[in-house]
Amino acid sequence: MFSRLFTKHPASVGESYLQHLTHSASFGLTMLAGAFACFIHALLPMLFERTGSGIIARLHDRMIVNRSRIKRAKGCEPAE
């Protein structure tokens, strides 16, 4: 039962615990980098003009667009 707490959500998105840990940590570090760039941009507007929005777009593609492609490839949902 205790191990299920660690595996239920990763399994729901088609990942093992370690895969989910790796992907989630990667997203978190990328978001921290984006946050840092946004704070620097707030102080010095001439720096990191497109960094935050670019990071958001890439993360969206990795999380939403790519996951939808994988589901379609596995036959889990119809193509748009």
PDB file of N, CA and C in Angstrom:
ATOM      1  N   MET A   1       0.822  -1.193   0.000  1.00  0.00           N
ATOM      2  CA  MET A   1       0.000   0.000   0.000  1.00  0.00           C
ATOM      3  C   MET A   1       0.876   1.272   0.000  1.00  0.00           C
ATOM      4  N   PHE A   2       1.916   1.278   0.841  1.00  0.00           N
ATOM      5  CA  PHE A   2       2.776   2.451   0.917  1.00  0.00           C
ATOM      6  C   PHE A   2       3.456   2.732  -0.420  1.00  0.00           C
ATOM      7  N   SER A   3       3.924   1.693  -1.095  1.00  0.00           N
ATOM      8  CA  SER A   3       4.602   1.906  -2.380  1.00  0.00           C
ATOM      9  C   SER A   3       3.633   2.425  -3.437  1.00  0.00           C
ATOM     10  N   ARG A   4       2.364   2.088  -3.320  1.00  0.00           N
ATOM     11  CA  ARG A   4       1.362   2.579  -4.271  1.00  0.00           C
ATOM     12  C   ARG A   4       1.246   4.100  -4.223  1.00  0.00           C
ATOM     13  N   LEU A   5       1.494   4.691  -3.065  1.00  0.00           N
ATOM     14  CA  LEU A   5       1.472   6.151  -2.960  1.00  0.00           C
ATOM     15  C   LEU A   5       2.496   6.785  -3.901  1.00  0.00           C
ATOM     16  N   PHE A   6       3.595   6.071  -4.135  1.00  0.00           N
ATOM     17  CA  PHE A   6       4.664   6.586  -4.985  1.00  0.00           C
ATOM     18  C   PHE A   6       4.492   6.204  -6.453  1.00  0.00           C
ATOM     19  N   THR A   7       3.648   5.239  -6.756  1.00  0.00           N
ATOM     20  CA  THR A   7       3.553   4.739  -8.130  1.00  0.00           C
ATOM     21  C   THR A   7       2.227   5.039  -8.821  1.00  0.00           C
ATOM     22  N   LYS A   8       1.189   5.384  -8.072  1.00  0.00           N
ATOM     23  CA  LYS A   8      -0.137   5.587  -8.674  1.00  0.00           C
ATOM     24  C   LYS A   8      -0.130   6.715  -9.711  1.00  0.00           C
ATOM     25  N   HIS A   9       0.318   7.895  -9.313  1.00  0.00           N
ATOM     26  CA  HIS A   9       0.318   9.009 -10.264  1.00  0.00           C
ATOM     27  C   HIS A   9       1.281   8.778 -11.426  1.00  0.00           C
ATOM     28  N   PRO A  10       2.533   8.386 -11.181  1.00  0.00           N
ATOM     29  CA  PRO A  10       3.409   8.128 -12.336  1.00  0.00           C
ATOM     30  C   PRO A  10       2.806   7.128 -13.327  1.00  0.00           C
ATOM     31  N   ALA A  11       2.181   6.078 -12.818  1.00  0.00           N
ATOM     32  CA  ALA A  11       1.557   5.092 -13.706  1.00  0.00           C
ATOM     33  C   ALA A  11       0.422   5.720 -14.506  1.00  0.00           C
ATOM     34  N   SER A  12      -0.287   6.682 -13.905  1.00  0.00           N
ATOM     35  CA  SER A  12      -1.410   7.313 -14.605  1.00  0.00           C
ATOM     36  C   SER A  12      -0.965   8.145 -15.799  1.00  0.00           C
ATOM     37  N   VAL A  13       0.299   8.542 -15.812  1.00  0.00           N
ATOM     38  CA  VAL A  13       0.832   9.294 -16.958  1.00  0.00           C
ATOM     39  C   VAL A  13       1.806   8.454 -17.769  1.00  0.00           C
ATOM     40  N   GLY A  14       1.801   7.142 -17.534  1.00  0.00           N
ATOM     41  CA  GLY A  14       2.594   6.221 -18.342  1.00  0.00           C
ATOM     42  C   GLY A  14       4.079   6.209 -18.018  1.00  0.00           C
ATOM     43  N   GLU A  15       4.432   6.491 -16.762  1.00  0.00           N
ATOM     44  CA  GLU A  15       5.838   6.526 -16.379  1.00  0.00           C
ATOM     45  C   GLU A  15       6.072   5.659 -15.149  1.00  0.00           C
ATOM     46  N   SER A  16       7.306   5.211 -14.996  1.00  0.00           N
ATOM     47  CA  SER A  16       7.711   4.556 -13.756  1.00  0.00           C
ATOM     48  C   SER A  16       8.000   5.664 -12.737  1.00  0.00           C
ATOM     49  N   TYR A  17       8.204   5.268 -11.487  1.00  0.00           N
ATOM     50  CA  TYR A  17       8.536   6.252 -10.457  1.00  0.00           C
ATOM     51  C   TYR A  17       9.807   7.020 -10.826  1.00  0.00           C
ATOM     52  N   LEU A  18      10.856   6.303 -11.238  1.00  0.00           N
ATOM     53  CA  LEU A  18      12.120   6.972 -11.571  1.00  0.00           C
ATOM     54  C   LEU A  18      12.000   7.867 -12.801  1.00  0.00           C
ATOM     55  N   GLN A  19      11.242   7.437 -13.809  1.00  0.00           N
ATOM     56  CA  GLN A  19      11.018   8.288 -14.979  1.00  0.00           C
ATOM     57  C   GLN A  19      10.298   9.567 -14.566  1.00  0.00           C
ATOM     58  N   HIS A  20       9.274   9.409 -13.727  1.00  0.00           N
ATOM     59  CA  HIS A  20       8.506  10.574 -13.282  1.00  0.00           C
ATOM     60  C   HIS A  20       9.378  11.504 -12.434  1.00  0.00           C
ATOM     61  N   LEU A  21      10.202  10.934 -11.573  1.00  0.00           N
ATOM     62  CA  LEU A  21      11.114  11.730 -10.766  1.00  0.00           C
ATOM     63  C   LEU A  21      12.042  12.553 -11.655  1.00  0.00           C
ATOM     64  N   THR A  22      12.606  11.909 -12.667  1.00  0.00           N
ATOM     65  CA  THR A  22      13.520  12.586 -13.579  1.00  0.00           C
ATOM     66  C   THR A  22      12.817  13.700 -14.349  1.00  0.00           C
ATOM     67  N   HIS A  23      11.648  13.391 -14.924  1.00  0.00           N
ATOM     68  CA  HIS A  23      10.924  14.406 -15.701  1.00  0.00           C
ATOM     69  C   HIS A  23      10.469  15.555 -14.814  1.00  0.00           C
ATOM     70  N   SER A  24       9.933  15.246 -13.644  1.00  0.00           N
ATOM     71  CA  SER A  24       9.452  16.302 -12.744  1.00  0.00           C
ATOM     72  C   SER A  24      10.594  17.189 -12.264  1.00  0.00           C
ATOM     73  N   ALA A  25      11.711  16.585 -11.910  1.00  0.00           N
ATOM     74  CA  ALA A  25      12.866  17.374 -11.477  1.00  0.00           C
ATOM     75  C   ALA A  25      13.374  18.259 -12.606  1.00  0.00           C
ATOM     76  N   SER A  26      13.366  17.731 -13.825  1.00  0.00           N
ATOM     77  CA  SER A  26      13.788  18.513 -14.984  1.00  0.00           C
ATOM     78  C   SER A  26      12.870  19.717 -15.188  1.00  0.00           C
ATOM     79  N   PHE A  27      11.562  19.495 -15.068  1.00  0.00           N
ATOM     80  CA  PHE A  27      10.607  20.602 -15.189  1.00  0.00           C
ATOM     81  C   PHE A  27      10.847  21.626 -14.090  1.00  0.00           C
ATOM     82  N   GLY A  28      11.035  21.163 -12.867  1.00  0.00           N
ATOM     83  CA  GLY A  28      11.245  22.072 -11.747  1.00  0.00           C
ATOM     84  C   GLY A  28      12.484  22.929 -11.918  1.00  0.00           C
ATOM     85  N   LEU A  29      13.580  22.315 -12.322  1.00  0.00           N
ATOM     86  CA  LEU A  29      14.814  23.071 -12.540  1.00  0.00           C
ATOM     87  C   LEU A  29      14.662  24.075 -13.679  1.00  0.00           C
ATOM     88  N   THR A  30      13.966  23.663 -14.730  1.00  0.00           N
ATOM     89  CA  THR A  30      13.733  24.572 -15.854  1.00  0.00           C
ATOM     90  C   THR A  30      12.873  25.748 -15.420  1.00  0.00           C
ATOM     91  N   MET A  31      11.851  25.481 -14.601  1.00  0.00           N
ATOM     92  CA  MET A  31      11.002  26.572 -14.106  1.00  0.00           C
ATOM     93  C   MET A  31      11.785  27.516 -13.191  1.00  0.00           C
ATOM     94  N   LEU A  32      12.676  26.969 -12.375  1.00  0.00           N
ATOM     95  CA  LEU A  32      13.519  27.827 -11.533  1.00  0.00           C
ATOM     96  C   LEU A  32      14.401  28.731 -12.389  1.00  0.00           C
ATOM     97  N   ALA A  33      14.960  28.175 -13.450  1.00  0.00           N
ATOM     98  CA  ALA A  33      15.787  28.979 -14.358  1.00  0.00           C
ATOM     99  C   ALA A  33      14.945  30.087 -14.992  1.00  0.00           C
ATOM    100  N   GLY A  34      13.727  29.759 -15.388  1.00  0.00           N
ATOM    101  CA  GLY A  34      12.837  30.759 -15.973  1.00  0.00           C
ATOM    102  C   GLY A  34      12.460  31.838 -14.973  1.00  0.00           C
ATOM    103  N   ALA A  35      12.195  31.427 -13.729  1.00  0.00           N
ATOM    104  CA  ALA A  35      11.867  32.396 -12.691  1.00  0.00           C
ATOM    105  C   ALA A  35      13.043  33.342 -12.447  1.00  0.00           C
ATOM    106  N   PHE A  36      14.236  32.772 -12.379  1.00  0.00           N
ATOM    107  CA  PHE A  36      15.436  33.587 -12.188  1.00  0.00           C
ATOM    108  C   PHE A  36      15.574  34.606 -13.326  1.00  0.00           C
ATOM    109  N   ALA A  37      15.391  34.146 -14.557  1.00  0.00           N
ATOM    110  CA  ALA A  37      15.490  35.045 -15.713  1.00  0.00           C
ATOM    111  C   ALA A  37      14.432  36.145 -15.642  1.00  0.00           C
ATOM    112  N   CYS A  38      13.224  35.809 -15.201  1.00  0.00           N
ATOM    113  CA  CYS A  38      12.156  36.816 -15.093  1.00  0.00           C
ATOM    114  C   CYS A  38      12.481  37.862 -14.025  1.00  0.00           C
ATOM    115  N   PHE A  39      13.034  37.423 -12.892  1.00  0.00           N
ATOM    116  CA  PHE A  39      13.413  38.380 -11.852  1.00  0.00           C
ATOM    117  C   PHE A  39      14.535  39.304 -12.321  1.00  0.00           C
ATOM    118  N   ILE A  40      15.509  38.751 -13.010  1.00  0.00           N
ATOM    119  CA  ILE A  40      16.593  39.578 -13.554  1.00  0.00           C
ATOM    120  C   ILE A  40      16.020  40.552 -14.578  1.00  0.00           C
ATOM    121  N   HIS A  41      15.106  40.067 -15.422  1.00  0.00           N
ATOM    122  CA  HIS A  41      14.476  40.929 -16.427  1.00  0.00           C
ATOM    123  C   HIS A  41      13.696  42.065 -15.760  1.00  0.00           C
ATOM    124  N   ALA A  42      13.049  41.777 -14.620  1.00  0.00           N
ATOM    125  CA  ALA A  42      12.303  42.820 -13.918  1.00  0.00           C
ATOM    126  C   ALA A  42      13.231  43.951 -13.476  1.00  0.00           C
ATOM    127  N   LEU A  43      14.433  43.590 -13.053  1.00  0.00           N
ATOM    128  CA  LEU A  43      15.398  44.597 -12.602  1.00  0.00           C
ATOM    129  C   LEU A  43      16.134  45.261 -13.755  1.00  0.00           C
ATOM    130  N   LEU A  44      16.466  44.459 -14.760  1.00  0.00           N
ATOM    131  CA  LEU A  44      17.224  44.933 -15.911  1.00  0.00           C
ATOM    132  C   LEU A  44      16.486  44.529 -17.189  1.00  0.00           C
ATOM    133  N   PRO A  45      15.516  45.338 -17.623  1.00  0.00           N
ATOM    134  CA  PRO A  45      14.631  44.953 -18.728  1.00  0.00           C
ATOM    135  C   PRO A  45      15.322  44.634 -20.048  1.00  0.00           C
ATOM    136  N   MET A  46      16.562  45.080 -20.194  1.00  0.00           N
ATOM    137  CA  MET A  46      17.261  44.809 -21.448  1.00  0.00           C
ATOM    138  C   MET A  46      17.796  43.387 -21.501  1.00  0.00           C
ATOM    139  N   LEU A  47      17.745  42.648 -20.386  1.00  0.00           N
ATOM    140  CA  LEU A  47      18.234  41.267 -20.324  1.00  0.00           C
ATOM    141  C   LEU A  47      17.066  40.286 -20.318  1.00  0.00           C
ATOM    142  N   PHE A  48      17.283  39.122 -20.873  1.00  0.00           N
ATOM    143  CA  PHE A  48      16.314  38.009 -20.847  1.00  0.00           C
ATOM    144  C   PHE A  48      14.925  38.428 -21.337  1.00  0.00           C
ATOM    145  N   GLU A  49      14.881  39.167 -22.448  1.00  0.00           N
ATOM    146  CA  GLU A  49      13.617  39.697 -22.957  1.00  0.00           C
ATOM    147  C   GLU A  49      12.633  38.615 -23.370  1.00  0.00           C
ATOM    148  N   ARG A  50      13.127  37.477 -23.836  1.00  0.00           N
ATOM    149  CA  ARG A  50      12.232  36.418 -24.317  1.00  0.00           C
ATOM    150  C   ARG A  50      12.442  35.088 -23.585  1.00  0.00           C
ATOM    151  N   THR A  51      13.306  35.077 -22.615  1.00  0.00           N
ATOM    152  CA  THR A  51      13.687  33.820 -21.953  1.00  0.00           C
ATOM    153  C   THR A  51      12.510  33.179 -21.226  1.00  0.00           C
ATOM    154  N   GLY A  52      11.796  33.940 -20.415  1.00  0.00           N
ATOM    155  CA  GLY A  52      10.672  33.388 -19.653  1.00  0.00           C
ATOM    156  C   GLY A  52       9.587  32.819 -20.544  1.00  0.00           C
ATOM    157  N   SER A  53       9.170  33.567 -21.546  1.00  0.00           N
ATOM    158  CA  SER A  53       8.115  33.089 -22.435  1.00  0.00           C
ATOM    159  C   SER A  53       8.592  31.891 -23.260  1.00  0.00           C
ATOM    160  N   GLY A  54       9.863  31.875 -23.630  1.00  0.00           N
ATOM    161  CA  GLY A  54      10.408  30.735 -24.371  1.00  0.00           C
ATOM    162  C   GLY A  54      10.419  29.469 -23.532  1.00  0.00           C
ATOM    163  N   ILE A  55      10.782  29.616 -22.258  1.00  0.00           N
ATOM    164  CA  ILE A  55      10.787  28.457 -21.361  1.00  0.00           C
ATOM    165  C   ILE A  55       9.364  27.936 -21.171  1.00  0.00           C
ATOM    166  N   ILE A  56       8.411  28.821 -20.977  1.00  0.00           N
ATOM    167  CA  ILE A  56       7.019  28.401 -20.818  1.00  0.00           C
ATOM    168  C   ILE A  56       6.546  27.653 -22.054  1.00  0.00           C
ATOM    169  N   ALA A  57       6.852  28.166 -23.243  1.00  0.00           N
ATOM    170  CA  ALA A  57       6.430  27.515 -24.484  1.00  0.00           C
ATOM    171  C   ALA A  57       7.048  26.115 -24.617  1.00  0.00           C
ATOM    172  N   ARG A  58       8.342  25.989 -24.291  1.00  0.00           N
ATOM    173  CA  ARG A  58       9.005  24.677 -24.389  1.00  0.00           C
ATOM    174  C   ARG A  58       8.433  23.689 -23.370  1.00  0.00           C
ATOM    175  N   LEU A  59       8.176  24.157 -22.159  1.00  0.00           N
ATOM    176  CA  LEU A  59       7.607  23.266 -21.153  1.00  0.00           C
ATOM    177  C   LEU A  59       6.199  22.829 -21.549  1.00  0.00           C
ATOM    178  N   HIS A  60       5.424  23.747 -22.110  1.00  0.00           N
ATOM    179  CA  HIS A  60       4.083  23.392 -22.582  1.00  0.00           C
ATOM    180  C   HIS A  60       4.171  22.318 -23.659  1.00  0.00           C
ATOM    181  N   ASP A  61       5.077  22.498 -24.597  1.00  0.00           N
ATOM    182  CA  ASP A  61       5.245  21.488 -25.649  1.00  0.00           C
ATOM    183  C   ASP A  61       5.632  20.140 -25.056  1.00  0.00           C
ATOM    184  N   ARG A  62       6.563  20.145 -24.108  1.00  0.00           N
ATOM    185  CA  ARG A  62       7.002  18.883 -23.494  1.00  0.00           C
ATOM    186  C   ARG A  62       5.880  18.216 -22.708  1.00  0.00           C
ATOM    187  N   MET A  63       5.109  18.990 -21.985  1.00  0.00           N
ATOM    188  CA  MET A  63       4.112  18.396 -21.099  1.00  0.00           C
ATOM    189  C   MET A  63       2.789  18.107 -21.810  1.00  0.00           C
ATOM    190  N   ILE A  64       2.267  19.047 -22.538  1.00  0.00           N
ATOM    191  CA  ILE A  64       0.926  18.920 -23.105  1.00  0.00           C
ATOM    192  C   ILE A  64       0.954  18.362 -24.523  1.00  0.00           C
ATOM    193  N   VAL A  65       1.657  19.017 -25.410  1.00  0.00           N
ATOM    194  CA  VAL A  65       1.656  18.627 -26.820  1.00  0.00           C
ATOM    195  C   VAL A  65       2.272  17.242 -26.991  1.00  0.00           C
ATOM    196  N   ASN A  66       3.429  17.008 -26.394  1.00  0.00           N
ATOM    197  CA  ASN A  66       4.097  15.721 -26.537  1.00  0.00           C
ATOM    198  C   ASN A  66       3.274  14.600 -25.908  1.00  0.00           C
ATOM    199  N   ARG A  67       2.695  14.829 -24.737  1.00  0.00           N
ATOM    200  CA  ARG A  67       1.874  13.806 -24.084  1.00  0.00           C
ATOM    201  C   ARG A  67       0.670  13.444 -24.953  1.00  0.00           C
ATOM    202  N   SER A  68       0.061  14.438 -25.606  1.00  0.00           N
ATOM    203  CA  SER A  68      -1.068  14.170 -26.493  1.00  0.00           C
ATOM    204  C   SER A  68      -0.642  13.314 -27.676  1.00  0.00           C
ATOM    205  N   ARG A  69       0.554  13.602 -28.224  1.00  0.00           N
ATOM    206  CA  ARG A  69       1.076  12.796 -29.332  1.00  0.00           C
ATOM    207  C   ARG A  69       1.286  11.354 -28.903  1.00  0.00           C
ATOM    208  N   ILE A  70       1.837  11.153 -27.728  1.00  0.00           N
ATOM    209  CA  ILE A  70       2.100   9.804 -27.224  1.00  0.00           C
ATOM    210  C   ILE A  70       0.784   9.059 -27.026  1.00  0.00           C
ATOM    211  N   LYS A  71      -0.218   9.725 -26.456  1.00  0.00           N
ATOM    212  CA  LYS A  71      -1.520   9.085 -26.254  1.00  0.00           C
ATOM    213  C   LYS A  71      -2.146   8.689 -27.584  1.00  0.00           C
ATOM    214  N   ARG A  72      -2.060   9.579 -28.585  1.00  0.00           N
ATOM    215  CA  ARG A  72      -2.611   9.248 -29.903  1.00  0.00           C
ATOM    216  C   ARG A  72      -1.883   8.067 -30.513  1.00  0.00           C
ATOM    217  N   ALA A  73      -0.555   8.042 -30.364  1.00  0.00           N
ATOM    218  CA  ALA A  73       0.240   6.942 -30.921  1.00  0.00           C
ATOM    219  C   ALA A  73      -0.127   5.618 -30.264  1.00  0.00           C
ATOM    220  N   LYS A  74      -0.486   5.657 -28.995  1.00  0.00           N
ATOM    221  CA  LYS A  74      -0.883   4.437 -28.282  1.00  0.00           C
ATOM    222  C   LYS A  74      -2.356   4.117 -28.489  1.00  0.00           C
ATOM    223  N   GLY A  75      -3.080   4.993 -29.211  1.00  0.00           N
ATOM    224  CA  GLY A  75      -4.493   4.754 -29.460  1.00  0.00           C
ATOM    225  C   GLY A  75      -5.397   5.101 -28.296  1.00  0.00           C
ATOM    226  N   CYS A  76      -4.926   5.969 -27.416  1.00  0.00           N
ATOM    227  CA  CYS A  76      -5.700   6.328 -26.224  1.00  0.00           C
ATOM    228  C   CYS A  76      -6.690   7.452 -26.470  1.00  0.00           C
ATOM    229  N   GLU A  77      -6.469   8.248 -27.466  1.00  0.00           N
ATOM    230  CA  GLU A  77      -7.407   9.328 -27.753  1.00  0.00           C
ATOM    231  C   GLU A  77      -7.375   9.614 -29.247  1.00  0.00           C
ATOM    232  N   PRO A  78      -8.467  10.120 -29.800  1.00  0.00           N
ATOM    233  CA  PRO A  78      -8.513  10.391 -31.239  1.00  0.00           C
ATOM    234  C   PRO A  78      -7.662  11.592 -31.614  1.00  0.00           C
ATOM    235  N   ALA A  79      -7.186  11.583 -32.858  1.00  0.00           N
ATOM    236  CA  ALA A  79      -6.413  12.713 -33.376  1.00  0.00           C
ATOM    237  C   ALA A  79      -7.344  13.902 -33.543  1.00  0.00           C
ATOM    238  N   GLU A  80      -6.798  15.117 -33.418  1.00  0.00           N
ATOM    239  CA  GLU A  80      -7.605  16.345 -33.533  1.00  0.00           C
ATOM    240  C   GLU A  80      -7.911  16.656 -34.957  1.00  0.00           C
TER     241      GLU A  80
END
